[in-house]
PDB file of all heavy atoms in Angstrom:
ATOM      1  N   ASN A   1       0.092  10.015  -1.091  1.00  0.00           N
ATOM      2  CA  ASN A   1      -1.006  10.807  -0.537  1.00  0.00           C
ATOM      3  C   ASN A   1      -1.912  11.397  -1.606  1.00  0.00           C
ATOM      4  O   ASN A   1      -2.865  12.111  -1.289  1.00  0.00           O
ATOM      5  CB  ASN A   1      -0.452  11.942   0.340  1.00  0.00           C
ATOM      6  CG  ASN A   1       0.166  11.418   1.621  1.00  0.00           C
ATOM      7  OD1 ASN A   1      -0.197  10.351   2.101  1.00  0.00           O
ATOM      8  ND2 ASN A   1       1.115  12.162   2.172  1.00  0.00           N
ATOM      9  N   GLY A   2      -1.613  11.103  -2.870  1.00  0.00           N
ATOM     10  CA  GLY A   2      -2.458  11.586  -3.951  1.00  0.00           C
ATOM     11  C   GLY A   2      -3.676  10.710  -4.146  1.00  0.00           C
ATOM     12  O   GLY A   2      -3.876   9.700  -3.456  1.00  0.00           O
ATOM     13  N   PHE A   3      -4.492  11.080  -5.104  1.00  0.00           N
ATOM     14  CA  PHE A   3      -5.739  10.363  -5.380  1.00  0.00           C
ATOM     15  C   PHE A   3      -5.495   8.888  -5.674  1.00  0.00           C
ATOM     16  O   PHE A   3      -6.060   8.004  -5.015  1.00  0.00           O
ATOM     17  CB  PHE A   3      -6.439  11.054  -6.550  1.00  0.00           C
ATOM     18  CG  PHE A   3      -7.550  10.267  -7.184  1.00  0.00           C
ATOM     19  CD1 PHE A   3      -8.549   9.685  -6.413  1.00  0.00           C
ATOM     20  CD2 PHE A   3      -7.609  10.119  -8.563  1.00  0.00           C
ATOM     21  CE1 PHE A   3      -9.585   8.964  -7.009  1.00  0.00           C
ATOM     22  CE2 PHE A   3      -8.631   9.413  -9.158  1.00  0.00           C
ATOM     23  CZ  PHE A   3      -9.610   8.823  -8.385  1.00  0.00           C
ATOM     24  N   VAL A   4      -4.637   8.602  -6.643  1.00  0.00           N
ATOM     25  CA  VAL A   4      -4.358   7.205  -6.984  1.00  0.00           C
ATOM     26  C   VAL A   4      -3.616   6.519  -5.851  1.00  0.00           C
ATOM     27  O   VAL A   4      -3.914   5.378  -5.486  1.00  0.00           O
ATOM     28  CB  VAL A   4      -3.561   7.112  -8.301  1.00  0.00           C
ATOM     29  CG1 VAL A   4      -3.210   5.658  -8.604  1.00  0.00           C
ATOM     30  CG2 VAL A   4      -4.353   7.712  -9.453  1.00  0.00           C
ATOM     31  N   GLY A   5      -2.648   7.208  -5.272  1.00  0.00           N
ATOM     32  CA  GLY A   5      -1.848   6.623  -4.204  1.00  0.00           C
ATOM     33  C   GLY A   5      -2.681   6.183  -3.018  1.00  0.00           C
ATOM     34  O   GLY A   5      -2.495   5.076  -2.485  1.00  0.00           O
ATOM     35  N   LYS A   6      -3.610   7.021  -2.572  1.00  0.00           N
ATOM     36  CA  LYS A   6      -4.446   6.672  -1.421  1.00  0.00           C
ATOM     37  C   LYS A   6      -5.268   5.418  -1.703  1.00  0.00           C
ATOM     38  O   LYS A   6      -5.392   4.526  -0.849  1.00  0.00           O
ATOM     39  CB  LYS A   6      -5.383   7.827  -1.077  1.00  0.00           C
ATOM     40  CG  LYS A   6      -4.727   8.998  -0.380  1.00  0.00           C
ATOM     41  CD  LYS A   6      -5.763  10.069  -0.079  1.00  0.00           C
ATOM     42  CE  LYS A   6      -5.136  11.272   0.616  1.00  0.00           C
ATOM     43  NZ  LYS A   6      -6.144  12.335   0.873  1.00  0.00           N
ATOM     44  N   ASN A   7      -5.859   5.362  -2.890  1.00  0.00           N
ATOM     45  CA  ASN A   7      -6.675   4.202  -3.236  1.00  0.00           C
ATOM     46  C   ASN A   7      -5.841   2.941  -3.376  1.00  0.00           C
ATOM     47  O   ASN A   7      -6.253   1.863  -2.927  1.00  0.00           O
ATOM     48  CB  ASN A   7      -7.450   4.483  -4.530  1.00  0.00           C
ATOM     49  CG  ASN A   7      -8.695   5.317  -4.301  1.00  0.00           C
ATOM     50  OD1 ASN A   7      -9.758   4.796  -3.996  1.00  0.00           O
ATOM     51  ND2 ASN A   7      -8.558   6.627  -4.440  1.00  0.00           N
ATOM     52  N   LEU A   8      -4.676   3.060  -3.999  1.00  0.00           N
ATOM     53  CA  LEU A   8      -3.811   1.892  -4.175  1.00  0.00           C
ATOM     54  C   LEU A   8      -3.309   1.386  -2.829  1.00  0.00           C
ATOM     55  O   LEU A   8      -3.372   0.177  -2.547  1.00  0.00           O
ATOM     56  CB  LEU A   8      -2.637   2.234  -5.086  1.00  0.00           C
ATOM     57  CG  LEU A   8      -1.607   1.122  -5.287  1.00  0.00           C
ATOM     58  CD1 LEU A   8      -2.242  -0.127  -5.878  1.00  0.00           C
ATOM     59  CD2 LEU A   8      -0.449   1.607  -6.161  1.00  0.00           C
ATOM     60  N   VAL A   9      -2.817   2.288  -1.992  1.00  0.00           N
ATOM     61  CA  VAL A   9      -2.296   1.879  -0.682  1.00  0.00           C
ATOM     62  C   VAL A   9      -3.398   1.225   0.153  1.00  0.00           C
ATOM     63  O   VAL A   9      -3.173   0.198   0.812  1.00  0.00           O
ATOM     64  CB  VAL A   9      -1.678   3.081   0.064  1.00  0.00           C
ATOM     65  CG1 VAL A   9      -1.404   2.732   1.527  1.00  0.00           C
ATOM     66  CG2 VAL A   9      -0.387   3.525  -0.623  1.00  0.00           C
ATOM     67  N   ALA A  10      -4.604   1.792   0.128  1.00  0.00           N
ATOM     68  CA  ALA A  10      -5.708   1.220   0.900  1.00  0.00           C
ATOM     69  C   ALA A  10      -5.998  -0.207   0.460  1.00  0.00           C
ATOM     70  O   ALA A  10      -6.218  -1.097   1.299  1.00  0.00           O
ATOM     71  CB  ALA A  10      -6.955   2.088   0.751  1.00  0.00           C
ATOM     72  N   GLN A  11      -5.982  -0.457  -0.855  1.00  0.00           N
ATOM     73  CA  GLN A  11      -6.260  -1.808  -1.346  1.00  0.00           C
ATOM     74  C   GLN A  11      -5.102  -2.756  -1.041  1.00  0.00           C
ATOM     75  O   GLN A  11      -5.321  -3.914  -0.668  1.00  0.00           O
ATOM     76  CB  GLN A  11      -6.542  -1.777  -2.850  1.00  0.00           C
ATOM     77  CG  GLN A  11      -7.116  -3.062  -3.404  1.00  0.00           C
ATOM     78  CD  GLN A  11      -8.552  -3.295  -2.964  1.00  0.00           C
ATOM     79  OE1 GLN A  11      -8.860  -3.330  -1.767  1.00  0.00           O
ATOM     80  NE2 GLN A  11      -9.437  -3.462  -3.931  1.00  0.00           N
ATOM     81  N   LEU A  12      -3.882  -2.271  -1.187  1.00  0.00           N
ATOM     82  CA  LEU A  12      -2.729  -3.111  -0.861  1.00  0.00           C
ATOM     83  C   LEU A  12      -2.770  -3.535   0.608  1.00  0.00           C
ATOM     84  O   LEU A  12      -2.408  -4.671   0.946  1.00  0.00           O
ATOM     85  CB  LEU A  12      -1.420  -2.373  -1.163  1.00  0.00           C
ATOM     86  CG  LEU A  12      -1.103  -2.116  -2.641  1.00  0.00           C
ATOM     87  CD1 LEU A  12       0.166  -1.273  -2.768  1.00  0.00           C
ATOM     88  CD2 LEU A  12      -0.940  -3.432  -3.408  1.00  0.00           C
ATOM     89  N   ARG A  13      -3.230  -2.633   1.461  1.00  0.00           N
ATOM     90  CA  ARG A  13      -3.305  -2.977   2.889  1.00  0.00           C
ATOM     91  C   ARG A  13      -4.364  -4.051   3.143  1.00  0.00           C
ATOM     92  O   ARG A  13      -4.171  -4.930   3.992  1.00  0.00           O
ATOM     93  CB  ARG A  13      -3.594  -1.734   3.716  1.00  0.00           C
ATOM     94  CG  ARG A  13      -2.435  -0.749   3.726  1.00  0.00           C
ATOM     95  CD  ARG A  13      -2.419   0.130   4.961  1.00  0.00           C
ATOM     96  NE  ARG A  13      -1.290   1.064   4.916  1.00  0.00           N
ATOM     97  CZ  ARG A  13      -0.038   0.725   5.177  1.00  0.00           C
ATOM     98  NH1 ARG A  13       0.255  -0.523   5.491  1.00  0.00           N
ATOM     99  NH2 ARG A  13       0.918   1.628   5.116  1.00  0.00           N
ATOM    100  N   THR A  14      -5.483  -3.995   2.424  1.00  0.00           N
ATOM    101  CA  THR A  14      -6.495  -5.048   2.612  1.00  0.00           C
ATOM    102  C   THR A  14      -5.936  -6.407   2.194  1.00  0.00           C
ATOM    103  O   THR A  14      -6.287  -7.434   2.787  1.00  0.00           O
ATOM    104  CB  THR A  14      -7.775  -4.762   1.805  1.00  0.00           C
ATOM    105  OG1 THR A  14      -7.519  -4.848   0.401  1.00  0.00           O
ATOM    106  CG2 THR A  14      -8.345  -3.394   2.140  1.00  0.00           C
ATOM    107  N   ILE A  15      -5.076  -6.398   1.186  1.00  0.00           N
ATOM    108  CA  ILE A  15      -4.453  -7.652   0.744  1.00  0.00           C
ATOM    109  C   ILE A  15      -3.432  -8.112   1.773  1.00  0.00           C
ATOM    110  O   ILE A  15      -3.408  -9.285   2.183  1.00  0.00           O
ATOM    111  CB  ILE A  15      -3.791  -7.470  -0.633  1.00  0.00           C
ATOM    112  CG1 ILE A  15      -4.837  -7.101  -1.689  1.00  0.00           C
ATOM    113  CG2 ILE A  15      -3.045  -8.732  -1.042  1.00  0.00           C
ATOM    114  CD1 ILE A  15      -4.243  -6.666  -3.017  1.00  0.00           C
ATOM    115  N   ALA A  16      -2.571  -7.187   2.213  1.00  0.00           N
ATOM    116  CA  ALA A  16      -1.504  -7.527   3.159  1.00  0.00           C
ATOM    117  C   ALA A  16      -2.064  -8.040   4.478  1.00  0.00           C
ATOM    118  O   ALA A  16      -1.484  -8.927   5.120  1.00  0.00           O
ATOM    119  CB  ALA A  16      -0.615  -6.306   3.403  1.00  0.00           C
ATOM    120  N   GLU A  17      -3.215  -7.498   4.897  1.00  0.00           N
ATOM    121  CA  GLU A  17      -3.813  -7.875   6.176  1.00  0.00           C
ATOM    122  C   GLU A  17      -4.730  -9.091   6.061  1.00  0.00           C
ATOM    123  O   GLU A  17      -5.365  -9.482   7.041  1.00  0.00           O
ATOM    124  CB  GLU A  17      -4.587  -6.679   6.741  1.00  0.00           C
ATOM    125  CG  GLU A  17      -3.682  -5.498   7.099  1.00  0.00           C
ATOM    126  CD  GLU A  17      -4.447  -4.213   7.338  1.00  0.00           C
ATOM    127  OE1 GLU A  17      -5.705  -4.251   7.287  1.00  0.00           O
ATOM    128  OE2 GLU A  17      -3.805  -3.176   7.567  1.00  0.00           O
ATOM    129  N   GLY A  18      -4.788  -9.687   4.881  1.00  0.00           N
ATOM    130  CA  GLY A  18      -5.594 -10.889   4.691  1.00  0.00           C
ATOM    131  C   GLY A  18      -7.082 -10.644   4.608  1.00  0.00           C
ATOM    132  O   GLY A  18      -7.880 -11.586   4.663  1.00  0.00           O
ATOM    133  N   LYS A  19      -7.496  -9.387   4.439  1.00  0.00           N
ATOM    134  CA  LYS A  19      -8.919  -9.060   4.368  1.00  0.00           C
ATOM    135  C   LYS A  19      -9.478  -9.234   2.964  1.00  0.00           C
ATOM    136  O   LYS A  19     -10.690  -9.359   2.788  1.00  0.00           O
ATOM    137  CB  LYS A  19      -9.141  -7.616   4.825  1.00  0.00           C
ATOM    138  CG  LYS A  19      -8.717  -7.333   6.255  1.00  0.00           C
ATOM    139  CD  LYS A  19      -8.846  -5.841   6.564  1.00  0.00           C
ATOM    140  CE  LYS A  19      -8.389  -5.526   7.982  1.00  0.00           C
ATOM    141  NZ  LYS A  19      -8.437  -4.070   8.262  1.00  0.00           N
ATOM    142  N   ASN A  20      -8.617  -9.189   1.970  1.00  0.00           N
ATOM    143  CA  ASN A  20      -9.058  -9.218   0.576  1.00  0.00           C
ATOM    144  C   ASN A  20      -8.415 -10.403  -0.133  1.00  0.00           C
ATOM    145  O   ASN A  20      -7.218 -10.402  -0.409  1.00  0.00           O
ATOM    146  CB  ASN A  20      -8.662  -7.910  -0.123  1.00  0.00           C
ATOM    147  CG  ASN A  20      -9.282  -7.776  -1.496  1.00  0.00           C
ATOM    148  OD1 ASN A  20      -9.752  -8.752  -2.089  1.00  0.00           O
ATOM    149  ND2 ASN A  20      -9.287  -6.561  -2.027  1.00  0.00           N
ATOM    150  N   LYS A  21      -9.225 -11.423  -0.410  1.00  0.00           N
ATOM    151  CA  LYS A  21      -8.729 -12.634  -1.067  1.00  0.00           C
ATOM    152  C   LYS A  21      -9.074 -12.666  -2.555  1.00  0.00           C
ATOM    153  O   LYS A  21      -8.784 -13.653  -3.236  1.00  0.00           O
ATOM    154  CB  LYS A  21      -9.341 -13.866  -0.399  1.00  0.00           C
ATOM    155  CG  LYS A  21      -9.087 -13.972   1.102  1.00  0.00           C
ATOM    156  CD  LYS A  21      -7.634 -14.219   1.424  1.00  0.00           C
ATOM    157  CE  LYS A  21      -7.450 -14.506   2.917  1.00  0.00           C
ATOM    158  NZ  LYS A  21      -6.027 -14.728   3.269  1.00  0.00           N
ATOM    159  N   SER A  22      -9.681 -11.595  -3.062  1.00  0.00           N
ATOM    160  CA  SER A  22     -10.204 -11.621  -4.427  1.00  0.00           C
ATOM    161  C   SER A  22      -9.109 -11.635  -5.489  1.00  0.00           C
ATOM    162  O   SER A  22      -9.377 -11.959  -6.650  1.00  0.00           O
ATOM    163  CB  SER A  22     -11.133 -10.428  -4.657  1.00  0.00           C
ATOM    164  OG  SER A  22     -10.440  -9.197  -4.494  1.00  0.00           O
ATOM    165  N   TYR A  23      -7.885 -11.273  -5.120  1.00  0.00           N
ATOM    166  CA  TYR A  23      -6.795 -11.251  -6.096  1.00  0.00           C
ATOM    167  C   TYR A  23      -5.944 -12.520  -6.069  1.00  0.00           C
ATOM    168  O   TYR A  23      -4.945 -12.606  -6.770  1.00  0.00           O
ATOM    169  CB  TYR A  23      -5.888 -10.043  -5.837  1.00  0.00           C
ATOM    170  CG  TYR A  23      -6.557  -8.710  -6.034  1.00  0.00           C
ATOM    171  CD1 TYR A  23      -6.913  -7.917  -4.936  1.00  0.00           C
ATOM    172  CD2 TYR A  23      -6.833  -8.222  -7.305  1.00  0.00           C
ATOM    173  CE1 TYR A  23      -7.518  -6.683  -5.112  1.00  0.00           C
ATOM    174  CE2 TYR A  23      -7.440  -6.985  -7.485  1.00  0.00           C
ATOM    175  CZ  TYR A  23      -7.771  -6.221  -6.391  1.00  0.00           C
ATOM    176  OH  TYR A  23      -8.368  -4.995  -6.561  1.00  0.00           O
ATOM    177  N   GLY A  24      -6.323 -13.481  -5.272  1.00  0.00           N
ATOM    178  CA  GLY A  24      -5.496 -14.668  -5.128  1.00  0.00           C
ATOM    179  C   GLY A  24      -4.406 -14.445  -4.102  1.00  0.00           C
ATOM    180  O   GLY A  24      -4.415 -13.475  -3.337  1.00  0.00           O
ATOM    181  N   GLU A  25      -3.438 -15.344  -4.088  1.00  0.00           N
ATOM    182  CA  GLU A  25      -2.363 -15.267  -3.094  1.00  0.00           C
ATOM    183  C   GLU A  25      -1.309 -14.252  -3.520  1.00  0.00           C
ATOM    184  O   GLU A  25      -0.663 -14.402  -4.551  1.00  0.00           O
ATOM    185  CB  GLU A  25      -1.722 -16.642  -2.903  1.00  0.00           C
ATOM    186  CG  GLU A  25      -2.606 -17.639  -2.166  1.00  0.00           C
ATOM    187  CD  GLU A  25      -2.953 -17.183  -0.753  1.00  0.00           C
ATOM    188  OE1 GLU A  25      -2.055 -16.634  -0.076  1.00  0.00           O
ATOM    189  OE2 GLU A  25      -4.106 -17.378  -0.337  1.00  0.00           O
ATOM    190  N   ILE A  26      -1.157 -13.195  -2.728  1.00  0.00           N
ATOM    191  CA  ILE A  26      -0.094 -12.208  -2.936  1.00  0.00           C
ATOM    192  C   ILE A  26       0.552 -11.960  -1.581  1.00  0.00           C
ATOM    193  O   ILE A  26      -0.121 -11.563  -0.626  1.00  0.00           O
ATOM    194  CB  ILE A  26      -0.634 -10.878  -3.498  1.00  0.00           C
ATOM    195  CG1 ILE A  26      -1.453 -11.108  -4.764  1.00  0.00           C
ATOM    196  CG2 ILE A  26       0.519  -9.921  -3.792  1.00  0.00           C
ATOM    197  CD1 ILE A  26      -2.107  -9.848  -5.300  1.00  0.00           C
ATOM    198  N   ASN A  27       1.840 -12.195  -1.506  1.00  0.00           N
ATOM    199  CA  ASN A  27       2.556 -12.028  -0.242  1.00  0.00           C
ATOM    200  C   ASN A  27       3.132 -10.620  -0.169  1.00  0.00           C
ATOM    201  O   ASN A  27       4.152 -10.320  -0.787  1.00  0.00           O
ATOM    202  CB  ASN A  27       3.666 -13.073  -0.126  1.00  0.00           C
ATOM    203  CG  ASN A  27       4.400 -12.985   1.206  1.00  0.00           C
ATOM    204  OD1 ASN A  27       3.889 -12.410   2.174  1.00  0.00           O
ATOM    205  ND2 ASN A  27       5.604 -13.532   1.257  1.00  0.00           N
ATOM    206  N   ILE A  28       2.465  -9.748   0.573  1.00  0.00           N
ATOM    207  CA  ILE A  28       2.907  -8.363   0.713  1.00  0.00           C
ATOM    208  C   ILE A  28       3.507  -8.175   2.096  1.00  0.00           C
ATOM    209  O   ILE A  28       2.881  -8.489   3.105  1.00  0.00           O
ATOM    210  CB  ILE A  28       1.736  -7.385   0.496  1.00  0.00           C
ATOM    211  CG1 ILE A  28       1.221  -7.491  -0.951  1.00  0.00           C
ATOM    212  CG2 ILE A  28       2.168  -5.951   0.803  1.00  0.00           C
ATOM    213  CD1 ILE A  28       0.038  -6.591  -1.241  1.00  0.00           C
ATOM    214  N   GLY A  29       4.728  -7.661   2.119  1.00  0.00           N
ATOM    215  CA  GLY A  29       5.400  -7.375   3.379  1.00  0.00           C
ATOM    216  C   GLY A  29       5.150  -5.937   3.803  1.00  0.00           C
ATOM    217  O   GLY A  29       4.062  -5.584   4.256  1.00  0.00           O
ATOM    218  N   GLU A  30       6.157  -5.082   3.597  1.00  0.00           N
ATOM    219  CA  GLU A  30       6.017  -3.675   3.950  1.00  0.00           C
ATOM    220  C   GLU A  30       5.469  -2.872   2.767  1.00  0.00           C
ATOM    221  O   GLU A  30       5.765  -3.168   1.608  1.00  0.00           O
ATOM    222  CB  GLU A  30       7.376  -3.095   4.364  1.00  0.00           C
ATOM    223  CG  GLU A  30       7.966  -3.714   5.621  1.00  0.00           C
ATOM    224  CD  GLU A  30       7.126  -3.430   6.851  1.00  0.00           C
ATOM    225  OE1 GLU A  30       6.509  -2.354   6.916  1.00  0.00           O
ATOM    226  OE2 GLU A  30       7.091  -4.286   7.753  1.00  0.00           O
ATOM    227  N   ILE A  31       4.678  -1.864   3.091  1.00  0.00           N
ATOM    228  CA  ILE A  31       4.212  -0.910   2.097  1.00  0.00           C
ATOM    229  C   ILE A  31       4.811   0.441   2.463  1.00  0.00           C
ATOM    230  O   ILE A  31       4.452   1.036   3.484  1.00  0.00           O
ATOM    231  CB  ILE A  31       2.671  -0.830   2.062  1.00  0.00           C
ATOM    232  CG1 ILE A  31       2.069  -2.200   1.751  1.00  0.00           C
ATOM    233  CG2 ILE A  31       2.217   0.203   1.022  1.00  0.00           C
ATOM    234  CD1 ILE A  31       0.557  -2.257   1.918  1.00  0.00           C
ATOM    235  N   TYR A  32       5.742   0.908   1.652  1.00  0.00           N
ATOM    236  CA  TYR A  32       6.434   2.164   1.921  1.00  0.00           C
ATOM    237  C   TYR A  32       5.702   3.298   1.213  1.00  0.00           C
ATOM    238  O   TYR A  32       5.561   3.294  -0.009  1.00  0.00           O
ATOM    239  CB  TYR A  32       7.875   2.107   1.440  1.00  0.00           C
ATOM    240  CG  TYR A  32       8.676   0.962   2.013  1.00  0.00           C
ATOM    241  CD1 TYR A  32       9.317   0.057   1.178  1.00  0.00           C
ATOM    242  CD2 TYR A  32       8.787   0.780   3.388  1.00  0.00           C
ATOM    243  CE1 TYR A  32      10.055  -0.997   1.685  1.00  0.00           C
ATOM    244  CE2 TYR A  32       9.514  -0.271   3.916  1.00  0.00           C
ATOM    245  CZ  TYR A  32      10.149  -1.160   3.060  1.00  0.00           C
ATOM    246  OH  TYR A  32      10.871  -2.203   3.571  1.00  0.00           O
ATOM    247  N   GLU A  33       5.243   4.273   1.982  1.00  0.00           N
ATOM    248  CA  GLU A  33       4.505   5.406   1.427  1.00  0.00           C
ATOM    249  C   GLU A  33       5.411   6.629   1.372  1.00  0.00           C
ATOM    250  O   GLU A  33       5.861   7.137   2.404  1.00  0.00           O
ATOM    251  CB  GLU A  33       3.276   5.700   2.279  1.00  0.00           C
ATOM    252  CG  GLU A  33       2.296   4.535   2.366  1.00  0.00           C
ATOM    253  CD  GLU A  33       1.111   4.841   3.257  1.00  0.00           C
ATOM    254  OE1 GLU A  33       0.526   5.932   3.104  1.00  0.00           O
ATOM    255  OE2 GLU A  33       0.780   4.000   4.126  1.00  0.00           O
ATOM    256  N   TYR A  34       5.683   7.085   0.165  1.00  0.00           N
ATOM    257  CA  TYR A  34       6.555   8.252  -0.038  1.00  0.00           C
ATOM    258  C   TYR A  34       5.751   9.358  -0.684  1.00  0.00           C
ATOM    259  O   TYR A  34       5.032   9.131  -1.654  1.00  0.00           O
ATOM    260  CB  TYR A  34       7.747   7.879  -0.926  1.00  0.00           C
ATOM    261  CG  TYR A  34       8.728   9.021  -1.121  1.00  0.00           C
ATOM    262  CD1 TYR A  34       9.791   9.204  -0.252  1.00  0.00           C
ATOM    263  CD2 TYR A  34       8.582   9.918  -2.174  1.00  0.00           C
ATOM    264  CE1 TYR A  34      10.681  10.256  -0.420  1.00  0.00           C
ATOM    265  CE2 TYR A  34       9.456  10.971  -2.352  1.00  0.00           C
ATOM    266  CZ  TYR A  34      10.511  11.139  -1.467  1.00  0.00           C
ATOM    267  OH  TYR A  34      11.386  12.183  -1.634  1.00  0.00           O
ATOM    268  N   ASP A  35       5.886  10.581  -0.143  1.00  0.00           N
ATOM    269  CA  ASP A  35       5.187  11.714  -0.729  1.00  0.00           C
ATOM    270  C   ASP A  35       6.038  12.972  -0.546  1.00  0.00           C
ATOM    271  O   ASP A  35       7.187  12.902  -0.081  1.00  0.00           O
ATOM    272  CB  ASP A  35       3.795  11.880  -0.111  1.00  0.00           C
ATOM    273  CG  ASP A  35       2.801  12.476  -1.103  1.00  0.00           C
ATOM    274  OD1 ASP A  35       2.736  13.713  -1.209  1.00  0.00           O
ATOM    275  OD2 ASP A  35       2.131  11.690  -1.797  1.00  0.00           O
ATOM    276  N   ILE A  36       5.471  14.106  -0.858  1.00  0.00           N
ATOM    277  CA  ILE A  36       6.235  15.340  -0.914  1.00  0.00           C
ATOM    278  C   ILE A  36       6.848  15.717   0.433  1.00  0.00           C
ATOM    279  O   ILE A  36       7.878  16.394   0.496  1.00  0.00           O
ATOM    280  CB  ILE A  36       5.345  16.493  -1.451  1.00  0.00           C
ATOM    281  CG1 ILE A  36       6.207  17.693  -1.832  1.00  0.00           C
ATOM    282  CG2 ILE A  36       4.255  16.848  -0.447  1.00  0.00           C
ATOM    283  CD1 ILE A  36       5.442  18.753  -2.613  1.00  0.00           C
ATOM    284  N   ASP A  37       6.230  15.285   1.532  1.00  0.00           N
ATOM    285  CA  ASP A  37       6.754  15.625   2.854  1.00  0.00           C
ATOM    286  C   ASP A  37       7.703  14.555   3.404  1.00  0.00           C
ATOM    287  O   ASP A  37       8.159  14.648   4.545  1.00  0.00           O
ATOM    288  CB  ASP A  37       5.614  15.871   3.837  1.00  0.00           C
ATOM    289  CG  ASP A  37       4.657  14.694   3.938  1.00  0.00           C
ATOM    290  OD1 ASP A  37       4.802  13.739   3.156  1.00  0.00           O
ATOM    291  OD2 ASP A  37       3.755  14.742   4.804  1.00  0.00           O
ATOM    292  N   SER A  38       7.995  13.530   2.592  1.00  0.00           N
ATOM    293  CA  SER A  38       8.952  12.504   3.018  1.00  0.00           C
ATOM    294  C   SER A  38      10.375  13.024   2.846  1.00  0.00           C
ATOM    295  O   SER A  38      10.622  14.014   2.153  1.00  0.00           O
ATOM    296  CB  SER A  38       8.766  11.225   2.195  1.00  0.00           C
ATOM    297  OG  SER A  38       7.453  10.725   2.326  1.00  0.00           O
ATOM    298  N   THR A  39      11.339  12.349   3.463  1.00  0.00           N
ATOM    299  CA  THR A  39      12.728  12.811   3.452  1.00  0.00           C
ATOM    300  C   THR A  39      13.562  12.025   2.439  1.00  0.00           C
ATOM    301  O   THR A  39      13.215  10.888   2.082  1.00  0.00           O
ATOM    302  CB  THR A  39      13.363  12.637   4.837  1.00  0.00           C
ATOM    303  OG1 THR A  39      13.454  11.225   5.131  1.00  0.00           O
ATOM    304  CG2 THR A  39      12.529  13.329   5.914  1.00  0.00           C
ATOM    305  N   PRO A  40      14.691  12.596   1.995  1.00  0.00           N
ATOM    306  CA  PRO A  40      15.607  11.857   1.119  1.00  0.00           C
ATOM    307  C   PRO A  40      16.101  10.565   1.763  1.00  0.00           C
ATOM    308  O   PRO A  40      16.318   9.559   1.073  1.00  0.00           O
ATOM    309  CB  PRO A  40      16.743  12.842   0.887  1.00  0.00           C
ATOM    310  CG  PRO A  40      16.132  14.194   1.103  1.00  0.00           C
ATOM    311  CD  PRO A  40      15.116  13.994   2.180  1.00  0.00           C
ATOM    312  N   GLU A  41      16.275  10.595   3.073  1.00  0.00           N
ATOM    313  CA  GLU A  41      16.732   9.400   3.781  1.00  0.00           C
ATOM    314  C   GLU A  41      15.696   8.277   3.692  1.00  0.00           C
ATOM    315  O   GLU A  41      16.049   7.101   3.554  1.00  0.00           O
ATOM    316  CB  GLU A  41      17.010   9.731   5.252  1.00  0.00           C
ATOM    317  CG  GLU A  41      18.214  10.633   5.488  1.00  0.00           C
ATOM    318  CD  GLU A  41      17.944  12.094   5.157  1.00  0.00           C
ATOM    319  OE1 GLU A  41      16.742  12.485   5.101  1.00  0.00           O
ATOM    320  OE2 GLU A  41      18.918  12.847   4.955  1.00  0.00           O
ATOM    321  N   GLN A  42      14.431   8.652   3.773  1.00  0.00           N
ATOM    322  CA  GLN A  42      13.376   7.645   3.624  1.00  0.00           C
ATOM    323  C   GLN A  42      13.378   7.060   2.217  1.00  0.00           C
ATOM    324  O   GLN A  42      13.235   5.848   2.039  1.00  0.00           O
ATOM    325  CB  GLN A  42      12.013   8.269   3.935  1.00  0.00           C
ATOM    326  CG  GLN A  42      11.771   8.530   5.408  1.00  0.00           C
ATOM    327  CD  GLN A  42      10.449   9.236   5.647  1.00  0.00           C
ATOM    328  OE1 GLN A  42      10.162  10.279   5.044  1.00  0.00           O
ATOM    329  NE2 GLN A  42       9.635   8.679   6.536  1.00  0.00           N
TER     330      GLN A  42
END
């Protein structure tokens, strides 16, 4: 949820959803977002 994290996650999602082909073929499955309000179990 930080500055870098938000930007990185947003771009990773464009790749995972097939919207961004500029980086070549990258097979992204799940993107796990962990921040200060996340739990130890997560």
